[in-house]
Amino acid sequence: MQPTIAIPQHWGYPRFALEQRTNQGIILGLYYYPSGTELANEFDEGWRYVLMPNKNSDEISYLQENQIQPLSPQELFTQITAEIKFYQQQISILQQQLAAVTGGSTNG
């Protein structure tokens, strides 16, 4: 069963999704400042996003929707293709190590 998140009808729908890749990084979380609250009065109502610049970083940034730029389809394609290539190389290395341990060939 797929997990679901319910968003109150009087809140706007978030523009970005969890794990979405953007120019600023990967979206790890989001939260909302509802209208009429102290936080919304101080910082403006709306969605805030928690982003990590890359998977190897321990930095986190907190941005409003208007501060985030989505990747173009070509940028997204390039990022995902590079990540696939990296993991394919890692799998190949692991297969070689496994073959050395078992004394045989392990073709996937």
N, C-alpha and C. Protein backbone atom coordinates (compact mmCIF):
# COMPACT_ATOMS: atom_id res chain seq x y z
N MET A 1 0.84 -1.19 0.00
CA MET A 1 0.00 0.00 0.00
C MET A 1 0.88 1.25 0.00
N GLN A 2 0.56 2.18 -0.85
CA GLN A 2 1.32 3.41 -0.98
C GLN A 2 0.96 4.38 0.14
N PRO A 3 1.98 4.95 0.83
CA PRO A 3 1.64 5.92 1.88
C PRO A 3 1.02 7.18 1.26
N THR A 4 0.11 7.78 2.00
CA THR A 4 -0.53 9.01 1.52
C THR A 4 -0.39 10.11 2.56
N ILE A 5 -0.45 11.33 2.09
CA ILE A 5 -0.42 12.50 2.95
C ILE A 5 -1.67 13.31 2.65
N ALA A 6 -2.41 13.66 3.68
CA ALA A 6 -3.61 14.48 3.49
C ALA A 6 -3.26 15.94 3.74
N ILE A 7 -3.64 16.78 2.81
CA ILE A 7 -3.40 18.22 2.93
C ILE A 7 -4.76 18.89 3.07
N PRO A 8 -4.92 19.71 4.11
CA PRO A 8 -6.22 20.39 4.27
C PRO A 8 -6.61 21.16 3.02
N GLN A 9 -7.89 21.18 2.71
CA GLN A 9 -8.37 21.82 1.48
C GLN A 9 -8.08 23.32 1.44
N HIS A 10 -8.01 23.96 2.61
CA HIS A 10 -7.79 25.41 2.60
C HIS A 10 -6.30 25.78 2.47
N TRP A 11 -5.42 24.80 2.40
CA TRP A 11 -4.01 25.05 2.10
C TRP A 11 -3.82 24.89 0.60
N GLY A 12 -2.94 25.67 0.03
CA GLY A 12 -2.58 25.45 -1.37
C GLY A 12 -1.79 24.16 -1.50
N TYR A 13 -1.81 23.58 -2.67
CA TYR A 13 -1.08 22.34 -2.89
C TYR A 13 0.41 22.68 -3.11
N PRO A 14 1.33 21.89 -2.55
CA PRO A 14 2.76 22.21 -2.74
C PRO A 14 3.16 22.08 -4.21
N ARG A 15 4.05 22.95 -4.63
CA ARG A 15 4.51 22.96 -6.02
C ARG A 15 5.53 21.85 -6.29
N PHE A 16 6.28 21.48 -5.25
CA PHE A 16 7.34 20.49 -5.39
C PHE A 16 7.04 19.26 -4.54
N ALA A 17 7.67 18.14 -4.89
CA ALA A 17 7.40 16.86 -4.22
C ALA A 17 8.63 16.39 -3.45
N LEU A 18 8.39 15.52 -2.49
CA LEU A 18 9.50 14.89 -1.77
C LEU A 18 10.40 14.14 -2.75
N GLU A 19 11.68 14.22 -2.52
CA GLU A 19 12.72 13.59 -3.34
C GLU A 19 12.86 14.19 -4.73
N GLN A 20 12.15 15.27 -5.02
CA GLN A 20 12.31 15.93 -6.32
C GLN A 20 13.68 16.60 -6.38
N ARG A 21 14.33 16.47 -7.53
CA ARG A 21 15.61 17.11 -7.75
C ARG A 21 15.36 18.52 -8.28
N THR A 22 16.06 19.49 -7.72
CA THR A 22 15.94 20.88 -8.15
C THR A 22 17.34 21.47 -8.33
N ASN A 23 17.43 22.70 -8.81
CA ASN A 23 18.73 23.36 -8.93
C ASN A 23 19.38 23.54 -7.57
N GLN A 24 18.59 23.63 -6.53
CA GLN A 24 19.11 23.86 -5.18
C GLN A 24 19.41 22.55 -4.44
N GLY A 25 18.98 21.43 -4.97
CA GLY A 25 19.24 20.15 -4.33
C GLY A 25 18.01 19.26 -4.33
N ILE A 26 18.07 18.22 -3.53
CA ILE A 26 16.98 17.23 -3.44
C ILE A 26 16.07 17.61 -2.28
N ILE A 27 14.77 17.58 -2.51
CA ILE A 27 13.80 17.93 -1.47
C ILE A 27 13.63 16.76 -0.51
N LEU A 28 13.97 17.01 0.76
CA LEU A 28 13.89 15.98 1.80
C LEU A 28 12.63 16.10 2.63
N GLY A 29 12.08 17.29 2.70
CA GLY A 29 10.90 17.49 3.53
C GLY A 29 10.21 18.79 3.18
N LEU A 30 9.00 18.95 3.67
CA LEU A 30 8.27 20.18 3.46
C LEU A 30 7.35 20.42 4.64
N TYR A 31 7.07 21.67 4.88
CA TYR A 31 6.14 22.05 5.93
C TYR A 31 5.42 23.32 5.52
N TYR A 32 4.35 23.63 6.22
CA TYR A 32 3.46 24.70 5.81
C TYR A 32 3.24 25.68 6.95
N TYR A 33 3.28 26.97 6.64
CA TYR A 33 2.91 28.01 7.59
C TYR A 33 1.49 28.45 7.24
N PRO A 34 0.48 28.01 7.98
CA PRO A 34 -0.90 28.38 7.66
C PRO A 34 -1.19 29.86 7.92
N SER A 35 -2.09 30.39 7.14
CA SER A 35 -2.54 31.77 7.30
C SER A 35 -3.06 31.99 8.71
N GLY A 36 -2.75 33.15 9.27
CA GLY A 36 -3.26 33.51 10.58
C GLY A 36 -2.42 33.01 11.74
N THR A 37 -1.31 32.33 11.46
CA THR A 37 -0.44 31.88 12.54
C THR A 37 0.70 32.87 12.73
N GLU A 38 1.34 32.77 13.87
CA GLU A 38 2.45 33.67 14.16
C GLU A 38 3.58 33.50 13.14
N LEU A 39 3.89 32.25 12.80
CA LEU A 39 4.95 32.02 11.82
C LEU A 39 4.60 32.61 10.46
N ALA A 40 3.35 32.46 10.04
CA ALA A 40 2.93 33.01 8.75
C ALA A 40 2.99 34.54 8.78
N ASN A 41 2.61 35.13 9.91
CA ASN A 41 2.67 36.59 10.02
C ASN A 41 4.11 37.09 9.97
N GLU A 42 5.02 36.33 10.54
CA GLU A 42 6.41 36.74 10.57
C GLU A 42 7.16 36.42 9.28
N PHE A 43 6.89 35.24 8.70
CA PHE A 43 7.67 34.78 7.55
C PHE A 43 6.88 34.59 6.28
N ASP A 44 5.61 34.92 6.24
CA ASP A 44 4.71 34.71 5.11
C ASP A 44 4.17 33.28 5.13
N GLU A 45 2.89 33.18 4.79
CA GLU A 45 2.28 31.85 4.77
C GLU A 45 2.74 31.09 3.54
N GLY A 46 2.62 29.79 3.60
CA GLY A 46 2.94 28.95 2.46
C GLY A 46 3.90 27.84 2.80
N TRP A 47 4.31 27.14 1.75
CA TRP A 47 5.16 25.97 1.89
C TRP A 47 6.61 26.35 2.04
N ARG A 48 7.31 25.60 2.88
CA ARG A 48 8.75 25.69 3.04
C ARG A 48 9.31 24.30 2.73
N TYR A 49 10.49 24.27 2.16
CA TYR A 49 11.09 23.01 1.73
C TYR A 49 12.46 22.84 2.38
N VAL A 50 12.75 21.61 2.75
CA VAL A 50 14.04 21.25 3.29
C VAL A 50 14.81 20.57 2.17
N LEU A 51 15.96 21.12 1.81
CA LEU A 51 16.73 20.60 0.69
C LEU A 51 18.15 20.25 1.11
N MET A 52 18.70 19.22 0.47
CA MET A 52 20.09 18.84 0.63
C MET A 52 20.75 19.04 -0.73
N PRO A 53 21.86 19.80 -0.79
CA PRO A 53 22.47 20.11 -2.08
C PRO A 53 22.85 18.87 -2.89
N ASN A 54 23.34 17.84 -2.23
CA ASN A 54 23.63 16.57 -2.91
C ASN A 54 23.68 15.46 -1.88
N LYS A 55 23.72 14.22 -2.36
CA LYS A 55 23.61 13.07 -1.46
C LYS A 55 24.82 12.92 -0.54
N ASN A 56 25.93 13.54 -0.88
CA ASN A 56 27.14 13.41 -0.08
C ASN A 56 27.36 14.60 0.85
N SER A 57 26.35 15.40 1.04
CA SER A 57 26.46 16.60 1.84
C SER A 57 25.72 16.42 3.16
N ASP A 58 26.21 17.10 4.19
CA ASP A 58 25.45 17.13 5.43
C ASP A 58 24.81 18.51 5.62
N GLU A 59 24.88 19.33 4.59
CA GLU A 59 24.24 20.65 4.61
C GLU A 59 22.75 20.50 4.32
N ILE A 60 21.97 21.37 4.93
CA ILE A 60 20.54 21.41 4.66
C ILE A 60 20.15 22.87 4.52
N SER A 61 19.28 23.17 3.58
CA SER A 61 18.77 24.54 3.44
C SER A 61 17.25 24.50 3.53
N TYR A 62 16.68 25.60 3.95
CA TYR A 62 15.24 25.75 4.10
C TYR A 62 14.81 26.89 3.18
N LEU A 63 14.01 26.56 2.18
CA LEU A 63 13.65 27.56 1.17
C LEU A 63 12.15 27.64 0.96
N GLN A 64 11.70 28.83 0.56
CA GLN A 64 10.31 29.02 0.16
C GLN A 64 10.16 28.56 -1.29
N GLU A 65 8.91 28.34 -1.70
CA GLU A 65 8.66 27.89 -3.07
C GLU A 65 9.28 28.81 -4.11
N ASN A 66 9.18 30.11 -3.91
CA ASN A 66 9.68 31.05 -4.91
C ASN A 66 11.21 31.10 -4.97
N GLN A 67 11.89 30.41 -4.06
CA GLN A 67 13.35 30.38 -4.06
C GLN A 67 13.89 29.12 -4.73
N ILE A 68 13.00 28.25 -5.16
CA ILE A 68 13.40 26.96 -5.73
C ILE A 68 13.16 26.97 -7.23
N GLN A 69 14.15 26.46 -7.97
CA GLN A 69 14.02 26.35 -9.42
C GLN A 69 14.08 24.87 -9.79
N PRO A 70 13.06 24.38 -10.50
CA PRO A 70 13.09 22.98 -10.93
C PRO A 70 14.16 22.78 -12.00
N LEU A 71 14.63 21.57 -12.12
CA LEU A 71 15.56 21.23 -13.18
C LEU A 71 14.81 21.14 -14.51
N SER A 72 15.50 21.48 -15.58
CA SER A 72 14.91 21.28 -16.91
C SER A 72 14.89 19.78 -17.18
N PRO A 73 14.06 19.34 -18.11
CA PRO A 73 14.06 17.91 -18.45
C PRO A 73 15.45 17.41 -18.85
N GLN A 74 16.21 18.22 -19.57
CA GLN A 74 17.56 17.81 -19.98
C GLN A 74 18.49 17.70 -18.77
N GLU A 75 18.42 18.65 -17.85
CA GLU A 75 19.25 18.58 -16.64
C GLU A 75 18.90 17.36 -15.80
N LEU A 76 17.62 17.09 -15.68
CA LEU A 76 17.16 15.92 -14.93
C LEU A 76 17.65 14.63 -15.60
N PHE A 77 17.52 14.56 -16.90
CA PHE A 77 18.00 13.40 -17.66
C PHE A 77 19.50 13.20 -17.44
N THR A 78 20.28 14.27 -17.52
CA THR A 78 21.73 14.19 -17.34
C THR A 78 22.09 13.70 -15.94
N GLN A 79 21.43 14.24 -14.93
CA GLN A 79 21.70 13.82 -13.55
C GLN A 79 21.38 12.35 -13.34
N ILE A 80 20.22 11.93 -13.78
CA ILE A 80 19.80 10.55 -13.57
C ILE A 80 20.68 9.59 -14.36
N THR A 81 21.02 9.95 -15.58
CA THR A 81 21.89 9.11 -16.40
C THR A 81 23.26 8.94 -15.74
N ALA A 82 23.82 10.03 -15.21
CA ALA A 82 25.11 9.95 -14.53
C ALA A 82 25.03 9.07 -13.28
N GLU A 83 23.93 9.16 -12.55
CA GLU A 83 23.75 8.35 -11.36
C GLU A 83 23.62 6.86 -11.72
N ILE A 84 22.89 6.57 -12.79
CA ILE A 84 22.75 5.18 -13.26
C ILE A 84 24.13 4.63 -13.64
N LYS A 85 24.91 5.41 -14.38
CA LYS A 85 26.24 4.98 -14.80
C LYS A 85 27.11 4.69 -13.58
N PHE A 86 27.06 5.56 -12.58
CA PHE A 86 27.84 5.37 -11.36
C PHE A 86 27.46 4.04 -10.69
N TYR A 87 26.15 3.79 -10.54
CA TYR A 87 25.71 2.57 -9.86
C TYR A 87 26.00 1.33 -10.69
N GLN A 88 25.95 1.43 -12.01
CA GLN A 88 26.31 0.29 -12.85
C GLN A 88 27.78 -0.07 -12.66
N GLN A 89 28.63 0.95 -12.52
CA GLN A 89 30.05 0.70 -12.27
C GLN A 89 30.24 0.04 -10.90
N GLN A 90 29.49 0.50 -9.90
CA GLN A 90 29.58 -0.08 -8.57
C GLN A 90 29.13 -1.54 -8.58
N ILE A 91 28.07 -1.84 -9.31
CA ILE A 91 27.58 -3.22 -9.42
C ILE A 91 28.64 -4.09 -10.09
N SER A 92 29.26 -3.59 -11.13
CA SER A 92 30.30 -4.35 -11.83
C SER A 92 31.46 -4.67 -10.88
N ILE A 93 31.89 -3.70 -10.10
CA ILE A 93 32.97 -3.92 -9.13
C ILE A 93 32.56 -4.97 -8.11
N LEU A 94 31.34 -4.87 -7.60
CA LEU A 94 30.86 -5.84 -6.61
C LEU A 94 30.75 -7.24 -7.21
N GLN A 95 30.33 -7.34 -8.47
CA GLN A 95 30.25 -8.65 -9.13
C GLN A 95 31.64 -9.27 -9.27
N GLN A 96 32.64 -8.45 -9.59
CA GLN A 96 34.01 -8.95 -9.69
C GLN A 96 34.51 -9.43 -8.32
N GLN A 97 34.21 -8.66 -7.28
CA GLN A 97 34.60 -9.07 -5.94
C GLN A 97 33.93 -10.36 -5.52
N LEU A 98 32.65 -10.49 -5.85
CA LEU A 98 31.91 -11.69 -5.52
C LEU A 98 32.47 -12.90 -6.27
N ALA A 99 32.80 -12.71 -7.53
CA ALA A 99 33.39 -13.79 -8.34
C ALA A 99 34.72 -14.24 -7.75
N ALA A 100 35.50 -13.29 -7.27
CA ALA A 100 36.79 -13.62 -6.65
C ALA A 100 36.59 -14.43 -5.37
N VAL A 101 35.57 -14.10 -4.62
CA VAL A 101 35.29 -14.80 -3.36
C VAL A 101 34.75 -16.20 -3.62
N THR A 102 33.87 -16.33 -4.60
CA THR A 102 33.22 -17.63 -4.86
C THR A 102 34.03 -18.49 -5.82
N GLY A 103 35.04 -17.90 -6.45
CA GLY A 103 35.86 -18.65 -7.37
C GLY A 103 35.20 -18.91 -8.71
N GLY A 104 34.10 -18.26 -8.95
CA GLY A 104 33.38 -18.48 -10.21
C GLY A 104 32.97 -17.17 -10.83
N SER A 105 32.26 -17.26 -11.90
CA SER A 105 31.75 -16.09 -12.61
C SER A 105 30.32 -15.81 -12.14
N THR A 106 30.01 -14.54 -11.91
CA THR A 106 28.65 -14.14 -11.52
C THR A 106 28.17 -13.09 -12.49
N ASN A 107 27.58 -13.51 -13.53
CA ASN A 107 27.04 -12.58 -14.51
C ASN A 107 25.60 -12.28 -14.17
N GLY A 108 25.24 -10.97 -14.22
CA GLY A 108 23.89 -10.59 -13.86
C GLY A 108 23.13 -10.35 -15.04
